[in-house]
């Protein structure tokens, strides 16, 4: 509040008057929140439910970086010939597709079921960060660029932390819920429980 009337405030909230900046920051923040949430959740699932070591969980998650390394310089060089909004829209579609692809995870699956969604998610990552940064800063002038870039990066990193917190909390609560629901069915009246115990 003290800095609203300052000529050069530390946090320049007047930047949010610009539609491109506001939409770009909101899209980047929400996208990064979801991305970091899933990036955190994958190793948890692999290590706690599928018996991966930390190294193998890391190797399974690593392919998300391959396509961005290859495509980011190409998008940076030729991106001005294409409407950046198309790239951003395509990136959200790729994210949605790869997240849906992961809904059929099961206990006996092999590593390729983890690696391929991660690999193609990299396509979404490549079309996400650079185009959204270009959109966010497109109407900034002179000294606004530094303020806009720092504010945008702060909100992106902040929302990434929120995504990690939300996913970790949901994971713990849902795990406890399912554990409780499963233990309710383990009793002497349950034929499935009795068969399983006899089988063991």
Protein backbone atom coordinates (compact mmCIF):
# COMPACT_ATOMS: atom_id res chain seq x y z
CA UNK A 1 0.00 0.00 0.00
CA UNK A 2 2.86 2.40 0.88
CA UNK A 3 4.38 1.96 -2.57
CA UNK A 4 1.27 2.49 -4.69
CA UNK A 5 2.13 6.17 -5.15
CA UNK A 6 5.87 5.64 -5.68
CA UNK A 7 7.38 6.36 -9.09
CA UNK A 8 9.63 3.26 -8.95
CA UNK A 9 8.03 0.74 -6.54
CA UNK A 10 9.78 -2.50 -5.62
CA UNK A 11 6.67 -4.47 -6.62
CA UNK A 12 4.97 -2.64 -9.46
CA UNK A 13 1.32 -3.69 -9.28
CA UNK A 14 0.42 -1.28 -12.09
CA UNK A 15 1.83 -3.89 -14.49
CA UNK A 16 -1.38 -5.88 -14.00
CA UNK A 17 -3.26 -3.20 -15.95
CA UNK A 18 -1.73 -4.74 -19.05
CA UNK A 19 -3.95 -7.59 -20.27
CA UNK A 20 -1.11 -9.62 -21.84
CA UNK A 21 0.93 -9.42 -18.65
CA UNK A 22 -1.98 -10.41 -16.41
CA UNK A 23 -3.16 -13.33 -18.57
CA UNK A 24 0.43 -14.46 -19.13
CA UNK A 25 1.24 -14.43 -15.40
CA UNK A 26 -1.99 -16.25 -14.48
CA UNK A 27 -1.48 -18.93 -17.17
CA UNK A 28 2.21 -19.39 -16.29
CA UNK A 29 1.46 -19.60 -12.56
CA UNK A 30 -1.40 -22.09 -12.90
CA UNK A 31 0.46 -24.19 -15.48
CA UNK A 32 3.61 -24.29 -13.36
CA UNK A 33 1.55 -25.17 -10.27
CA UNK A 34 0.07 -28.23 -12.03
CA UNK A 35 3.40 -29.15 -13.64
CA UNK A 36 5.36 -29.03 -10.37
CA UNK A 37 2.59 -30.92 -8.58
CA UNK A 38 2.75 -33.81 -11.04
CA UNK A 39 6.55 -33.70 -11.14
CA UNK A 40 6.55 -34.17 -7.35
CA UNK A 41 3.84 -36.83 -7.35
CA UNK A 42 5.48 -39.13 -9.92
CA UNK A 43 8.57 -40.11 -7.83
CA UNK A 44 6.32 -40.54 -4.76
CA UNK A 45 4.13 -43.01 -6.64
CA UNK A 46 7.08 -44.84 -8.19
CA UNK A 47 8.99 -45.22 -4.93
CA UNK A 48 6.15 -45.94 -2.51
CA UNK A 49 3.85 -48.05 -4.69
CA UNK A 50 6.01 -49.54 -7.45
CA UNK A 51 9.21 -50.20 -5.46
CA UNK A 52 11.49 -47.99 -7.60
CA UNK A 53 14.69 -46.76 -6.00
CA UNK A 54 15.27 -42.99 -5.95
CA UNK A 55 17.72 -43.37 -8.86
CA UNK A 56 15.30 -45.33 -11.05
CA UNK A 57 12.44 -42.97 -10.21
CA UNK A 58 14.68 -40.09 -11.32
CA UNK A 59 15.62 -41.89 -14.53
CA UNK A 60 11.95 -42.60 -15.26
CA UNK A 61 11.06 -38.92 -14.77
CA UNK A 62 14.07 -37.55 -16.70
CA UNK A 63 12.74 -37.88 -20.28
CA UNK A 64 10.56 -34.80 -19.71
CA UNK A 65 13.70 -32.75 -20.42
CA UNK A 66 14.70 -34.19 -23.80
CA UNK A 67 12.27 -32.39 -26.12
CA UNK A 68 12.61 -28.98 -24.43
CA UNK A 69 16.39 -29.11 -24.94
CA UNK A 70 15.89 -29.75 -28.66
CA UNK A 71 12.82 -27.60 -29.33
CA UNK A 72 13.35 -24.48 -27.18
CA UNK A 73 16.07 -22.97 -29.44
CA UNK A 74 13.92 -23.71 -32.52
CA UNK A 75 10.82 -22.11 -30.97
CA UNK A 76 12.93 -19.13 -29.89
CA UNK A 77 14.32 -18.64 -33.38
CA UNK A 78 11.20 -19.19 -35.48
CA UNK A 79 8.47 -18.47 -32.92
CA UNK A 80 7.92 -14.92 -34.16
CA UNK A 81 6.39 -16.38 -37.35
CA UNK A 82 3.64 -18.16 -35.41
CA UNK A 83 1.07 -16.78 -32.98
CA UNK A 84 2.45 -17.63 -29.53
CA UNK A 85 -1.08 -18.24 -28.25
CA UNK A 86 -1.25 -21.32 -30.52
CA UNK A 87 1.88 -22.75 -28.89
CA UNK A 88 0.48 -22.11 -25.40
CA UNK A 89 -2.91 -23.67 -26.26
CA UNK A 90 -1.16 -26.69 -27.78
CA UNK A 91 1.01 -27.05 -24.67
CA UNK A 92 -2.05 -27.23 -22.40
CA UNK A 93 -3.58 -29.87 -24.71
CA UNK A 94 -0.35 -31.91 -24.54
CA UNK A 95 -0.34 -31.61 -20.73
CA UNK A 96 -3.97 -32.75 -20.56
CA UNK A 97 -3.27 -35.71 -22.84
CA UNK A 98 -0.18 -36.88 -20.92
CA UNK A 99 -1.94 -36.47 -17.56
CA UNK A 100 -4.85 -38.54 -18.86
CA UNK A 101 -2.38 -41.12 -20.20
CA UNK A 102 -1.15 -41.65 -16.63
CA UNK A 103 -4.59 -42.52 -15.28
CA UNK A 104 -4.08 -46.20 -16.15
CA UNK A 105 -1.05 -46.72 -13.89
CA UNK A 106 -1.15 -50.17 -12.28
CA UNK A 107 1.09 -52.16 -9.96
CA UNK A 108 2.61 -54.51 -12.54
CA UNK A 109 3.40 -51.99 -15.30
CA UNK A 110 6.86 -51.72 -16.82
CA UNK A 111 9.02 -48.60 -17.01
CA UNK A 112 7.87 -47.66 -20.52
CA UNK A 113 4.40 -46.82 -19.10
CA UNK A 114 6.13 -44.10 -17.07
CA UNK A 115 8.79 -42.97 -19.56
CA UNK A 116 6.62 -42.33 -22.64
CA UNK A 117 4.10 -39.97 -20.99
CA UNK A 118 7.07 -38.12 -19.47
CA UNK A 119 8.79 -37.88 -22.85
CA UNK A 120 5.73 -36.42 -24.61
CA UNK A 121 5.03 -34.09 -21.71
CA UNK A 122 8.35 -32.50 -22.65
CA UNK A 123 6.68 -31.31 -25.86
CA UNK A 124 4.18 -29.41 -23.74
CA UNK A 125 6.98 -27.96 -21.59
CA UNK A 126 8.84 -26.74 -24.70
CA UNK A 127 5.72 -24.97 -26.01
CA UNK A 128 4.80 -23.55 -22.61
CA UNK A 129 7.54 -21.49 -20.95
CA UNK A 130 9.14 -19.56 -23.80
CA UNK A 131 5.90 -18.57 -25.59
CA UNK A 132 4.21 -17.55 -22.32
CA UNK A 133 7.22 -15.46 -21.32
CA UNK A 134 7.08 -13.75 -24.73
CA UNK A 135 3.35 -13.05 -24.30
CA UNK A 136 3.83 -11.80 -20.73
CA UNK A 137 6.56 -9.31 -21.65
CA UNK A 138 5.27 -8.37 -25.12
CA UNK A 139 3.89 -4.92 -24.21
CA UNK A 140 6.45 -3.98 -21.57
CA UNK A 141 8.73 -1.02 -22.23
CA UNK A 142 12.12 0.04 -20.87
CA UNK A 143 12.37 -0.24 -17.10
CA UNK A 144 9.06 -2.19 -16.94
CA UNK A 145 10.74 -5.28 -18.42
CA UNK A 146 12.90 -5.95 -15.34
CA UNK A 147 9.97 -5.38 -12.95
CA UNK A 148 7.60 -7.50 -15.04
CA UNK A 149 10.10 -10.33 -15.41
CA UNK A 150 10.92 -10.47 -11.69
CA UNK A 151 7.25 -10.29 -10.64
CA UNK A 152 6.27 -12.96 -13.17
CA UNK A 153 9.11 -15.26 -12.07
CA UNK A 154 8.29 -14.76 -8.39
CA UNK A 155 4.63 -15.70 -8.91
CA UNK A 156 5.58 -18.70 -11.08
CA UNK A 157 7.98 -20.09 -8.45
CA UNK A 158 5.52 -19.31 -5.64
CA UNK A 159 2.71 -21.17 -7.39
CA UNK A 160 5.07 -24.08 -8.09
CA UNK A 161 5.58 -24.35 -4.33
CA UNK A 162 1.82 -24.20 -3.82
CA UNK A 163 1.39 -27.03 -6.33
CA UNK A 164 3.90 -29.22 -4.51
CA UNK A 165 2.21 -28.51 -1.15
CA UNK A 166 -1.30 -29.19 -2.45
CA UNK A 167 -0.32 -32.45 -4.17
CA UNK A 168 1.66 -33.70 -1.15
CA UNK A 169 -1.24 -32.93 1.20
CA UNK A 170 -3.79 -34.56 -1.12
CA UNK A 171 -1.52 -37.61 -1.46
CA UNK A 172 -1.29 -38.08 2.32
CA UNK A 173 -5.00 -37.55 2.93
CA UNK A 174 -6.16 -39.81 0.09
CA UNK A 175 -3.67 -42.49 1.13
CA UNK A 176 -5.05 -42.41 4.69
CA UNK A 177 -8.63 -42.51 3.38
CA UNK A 178 -8.01 -45.51 1.13
CA UNK A 179 -6.08 -47.29 3.88
CA UNK A 180 -9.06 -46.84 6.22
CA UNK A 181 -11.53 -48.03 3.57
CA UNK A 182 -9.44 -51.13 2.84
CA UNK A 183 -9.02 -52.06 6.50
CA UNK A 184 -12.80 -51.83 7.03
CA UNK A 185 -13.21 -54.77 4.67
CA UNK A 186 -10.66 -57.01 6.40
CA UNK A 187 -12.79 -58.95 8.85
CA UNK A 188 -14.01 -62.49 9.46
CA UNK A 189 -17.25 -61.88 7.51
CA UNK A 190 -15.48 -60.91 4.29
CA UNK A 191 -15.10 -63.88 1.93
CA UNK A 192 -12.42 -62.05 -0.12
CA UNK A 193 -10.36 -61.36 3.04
CA UNK A 194 -10.70 -64.97 4.19
CA UNK A 195 -9.63 -66.29 0.78
CA UNK A 196 -6.62 -63.96 0.70
CA UNK A 197 -5.55 -64.94 4.22
CA UNK A 198 -5.92 -68.64 3.42
CA UNK A 199 -3.94 -68.11 0.23
CA UNK A 200 -1.10 -66.54 2.18
